[in-house]
Amino acid sequence: MTTQSNPDRFDGPENLAMEITAIQPRLYGFILKRLADREQTLEVLQRTNLILCRKADEFQQGSSFTAWAFTIAKFQVMAYRKSASSGRLVFSDKVQELLDRHPDHEIDSVDDRISVLRGCLQRLRSDDRELIQQRYRDGEPIAAIANGLAKSVDAISMRLSRVRKQLAICVRSGLGSEVSA
């Protein structure tokens, strides 16, 4: 499901910006999988976007913009890991190789999972969907959500746990039906 480029893709900065914006969630997931830290991921994502803008003229027309962007992200992760090797959590080269074994397949599977997850989120009750969005999209702490809903932290934690399990079952089911289709 990679996006194929079009010969006049970057005839203006708006087209480049649209391409970069369209792949942000997938790039974020790709980087997060390799760094396992939200702050580090955001930093590397920002560096990746900067490189994509700087090297836009090096993009080969007719090739996949998504694959090109993921390659740049991979090198940015490697550079970050090298500069942060004295940090607390850094994956070894061997672990990194295992993570990078099938990047093309990963791009497609992430696309599939995102669309299935969106469908599963739409099937949730509106208050459960709002709770999930507050916690994971907006990054609100559980205590703040509990305070806003006049519920205990334990009650919100349990509810989030139940909704996550419901989403996991829905996504597995949705991915299973796509495979057999």
Protein backbone atom coordinates (compact mmCIF):
# COMPACT_ATOMS: atom_id res chain seq x y z
CA MET A 1 0.00 0.00 0.00
CA THR A 2 2.87 2.35 -0.60
CA THR A 3 2.17 5.62 -2.32
CA GLN A 4 3.63 5.80 -5.79
CA SER A 5 5.06 9.08 -6.82
CA ASN A 6 3.90 11.11 -9.67
CA PRO A 7 6.27 12.92 -12.03
CA ASP A 8 5.08 16.36 -10.94
CA ARG A 9 4.94 15.47 -7.25
CA PHE A 10 7.13 18.26 -5.87
CA ASP A 11 6.30 21.07 -8.24
CA GLY A 12 5.72 23.14 -5.13
CA PRO A 13 6.37 23.02 -1.40
CA GLU A 14 2.67 22.32 -0.76
CA ASN A 15 2.91 18.93 -2.47
CA LEU A 16 5.93 17.95 -0.40
CA ALA A 17 4.19 19.14 2.78
CA MET A 18 1.10 17.08 1.92
CA GLU A 19 3.18 13.94 1.35
CA ILE A 20 5.09 14.39 4.60
CA THR A 21 1.90 15.10 6.54
CA ALA A 22 0.18 12.03 5.13
CA ILE A 23 2.85 9.65 6.42
CA GLN A 24 3.37 11.18 9.89
CA PRO A 25 1.44 8.53 11.87
CA ARG A 26 3.26 5.69 10.11
CA LEU A 27 6.67 7.33 10.52
CA TYR A 28 5.94 7.95 14.19
CA GLY A 29 5.05 4.27 14.70
CA PHE A 30 8.09 3.13 12.74
CA ILE A 31 10.43 5.25 14.86
CA LEU A 32 8.68 4.49 18.16
CA LYS A 33 9.06 0.77 17.51
CA ARG A 34 12.81 1.25 17.27
CA LEU A 35 13.36 3.68 20.14
CA ALA A 36 10.58 2.75 22.61
CA ASP A 37 10.50 6.26 24.03
CA ARG A 38 7.94 8.90 23.11
CA GLU A 39 10.21 11.94 23.56
CA GLN A 40 13.07 10.38 21.61
CA THR A 41 10.63 9.38 18.89
CA LEU A 42 9.30 12.91 18.54
CA GLU A 43 12.85 14.25 18.31
CA VAL A 44 13.85 11.75 15.62
CA LEU A 45 10.58 12.33 13.75
CA GLN A 46 11.33 16.06 13.69
CA ARG A 47 14.86 15.39 12.41
CA THR A 48 13.46 13.03 9.77
CA ASN A 49 10.97 15.64 8.56
CA LEU A 50 13.75 18.20 8.34
CA ILE A 51 15.89 15.84 6.23
CA LEU A 52 12.90 15.02 4.00
CA CYS A 53 12.48 18.74 3.31
CA ARG A 54 16.19 19.35 2.76
CA LYS A 55 16.61 16.37 0.44
CA ALA A 56 13.34 16.66 -1.48
CA ASP A 57 15.25 17.40 -4.68
CA GLU A 58 17.08 14.05 -4.28
CA PHE A 59 13.84 12.06 -4.33
CA GLN A 60 13.76 9.90 -7.46
CA GLN A 61 10.57 10.51 -9.40
CA GLY A 62 8.65 7.32 -10.09
CA SER A 63 9.71 5.65 -6.85
CA SER A 64 7.81 5.28 -3.59
CA PHE A 65 7.87 8.41 -1.44
CA THR A 66 6.86 6.33 1.59
CA ALA A 67 9.75 3.89 1.17
CA TRP A 68 12.17 6.79 0.69
CA ALA A 69 10.88 8.53 3.83
CA PHE A 70 11.13 5.31 5.86
CA THR A 71 14.72 4.84 4.70
CA ILE A 72 15.59 8.34 5.87
CA ALA A 73 13.81 7.65 9.18
CA LYS A 74 15.81 4.44 9.59
CA PHE A 75 19.09 6.33 9.15
CA GLN A 76 17.94 9.04 11.55
CA VAL A 77 17.15 6.39 14.17
CA MET A 78 20.61 4.90 13.66
CA ALA A 79 22.24 8.33 14.03
CA TYR A 80 20.21 9.08 17.14
CA ARG A 81 21.07 5.71 18.67
CA LYS A 82 24.75 6.33 18.02
CA SER A 83 24.67 9.78 19.63
CA ALA A 84 22.59 8.55 22.57
CA SER A 85 24.46 5.28 23.14
CA SER A 86 25.32 6.36 26.65
CA GLY A 87 21.60 6.60 27.40
CA ARG A 88 19.54 4.26 29.55
CA LEU A 89 17.68 2.31 26.86
CA VAL A 90 19.37 1.77 23.54
CA PHE A 91 18.69 -1.25 21.36
CA SER A 92 21.70 -3.26 20.28
CA ASP A 93 22.59 -3.58 16.59
CA LYS A 94 21.30 -7.16 16.63
CA VAL A 95 17.88 -6.09 17.94
CA GLN A 96 17.83 -3.29 15.36
CA GLU A 97 18.50 -5.79 12.57
CA LEU A 98 15.59 -7.94 13.75
CA LEU A 99 13.29 -4.92 13.75
CA ASP A 100 14.37 -3.93 10.24
CA ARG A 101 14.03 -7.33 8.56
CA HIS A 102 10.87 -6.59 6.56
CA PRO A 103 10.33 -2.82 6.33
CA ASP A 104 8.21 -3.05 3.14
CA HIS A 105 5.89 -5.57 4.76
CA GLU A 106 5.80 -3.42 7.89
CA ILE A 107 4.68 -0.35 5.94
CA ASP A 108 1.75 -2.28 4.47
CA SER A 109 0.83 -3.98 7.74
CA VAL A 110 0.88 -0.67 9.61
CA ASP A 111 -1.47 0.76 6.96
CA ASP A 112 -3.79 -2.22 7.43
CA ARG A 113 -3.72 -1.97 11.22
CA ILE A 114 -4.45 1.76 11.18
CA SER A 115 -7.51 1.40 8.97
CA VAL A 116 -8.81 -1.55 11.01
CA LEU A 117 -8.18 0.34 14.26
CA ARG A 118 -10.08 3.37 12.94
CA GLY A 119 -13.05 1.14 12.15
CA CYS A 120 -12.88 -0.45 15.59
CA LEU A 121 -12.73 2.98 17.25
CA GLN A 122 -15.87 4.01 15.36
CA ARG A 123 -17.69 0.95 16.72
CA LEU A 124 -16.99 1.93 20.34
CA ARG A 125 -19.57 3.73 22.43
CA SER A 126 -18.95 7.47 22.11
CA ASP A 127 -17.93 7.86 25.77
CA ASP A 128 -15.42 4.98 25.46
CA ARG A 129 -14.04 6.45 22.23
CA GLU A 130 -13.68 9.84 23.92
CA LEU A 131 -11.89 8.23 26.87
CA ILE A 132 -9.42 6.49 24.53
CA GLN A 133 -8.80 9.73 22.64
CA GLN A 134 -8.24 11.71 25.82
CA ARG A 135 -5.72 9.19 27.12
CA TYR A 136 -3.83 8.20 23.96
CA ARG A 137 -4.35 10.90 21.34
CA ASP A 138 -4.25 13.85 23.74
CA GLY A 139 -1.89 12.19 26.25
CA GLU A 140 -3.92 13.19 29.30
CA PRO A 141 -2.87 11.52 32.54
CA ILE A 142 -5.36 9.07 34.00
CA ALA A 143 -5.64 11.18 37.15
CA ALA A 144 -6.71 14.23 35.13
CA ILE A 145 -9.30 12.20 33.21
CA ALA A 146 -10.62 10.71 36.45
CA ASN A 147 -10.83 14.16 38.00
CA GLY A 148 -12.70 15.53 34.97
CA LEU A 149 -15.19 12.66 35.04
CA ALA A 150 -15.53 12.69 38.85
CA LYS A 151 -14.42 9.05 38.99
CA SER A 152 -11.63 7.29 40.83
CA VAL A 153 -8.30 6.66 39.13
CA ASP A 154 -8.87 2.92 39.62
CA ALA A 155 -12.27 3.10 37.91
CA ILE A 156 -10.81 4.92 34.89
CA SER A 157 -7.86 2.51 34.73
CA MET A 158 -10.20 -0.49 34.73
CA ARG A 159 -12.43 1.08 32.09
CA LEU A 160 -9.43 1.85 29.88
CA SER A 161 -8.23 -1.72 30.30
CA ARG A 162 -11.62 -3.11 29.21
CA VAL A 163 -11.80 -0.79 26.19
CA ARG A 164 -8.21 -1.66 25.14
CA LYS A 165 -9.06 -5.37 25.31
CA GLN A 166 -12.19 -4.74 23.27
CA LEU A 167 -10.14 -2.85 20.66
CA ALA A 168 -7.47 -5.57 20.57
CA ILE A 169 -10.09 -8.25 19.90
CA CYS A 170 -11.71 -6.09 17.22
CA VAL A 171 -8.38 -5.36 15.48
CA ARG A 172 -7.31 -9.03 15.56
CA SER A 173 -10.68 -10.01 14.15
CA GLY A 174 -10.53 -7.30 11.49
CA LEU A 175 -7.01 -8.24 10.43
CA GLY A 176 -7.98 -11.91 10.35
CA SER A 177 -10.93 -11.25 8.06
CA GLU A 178 -8.75 -9.14 5.71
CA VAL A 179 -6.25 -11.97 5.43
CA SER A 180 -8.93 -14.50 4.53
CA ALA A 181 -10.69 -12.12 2.10
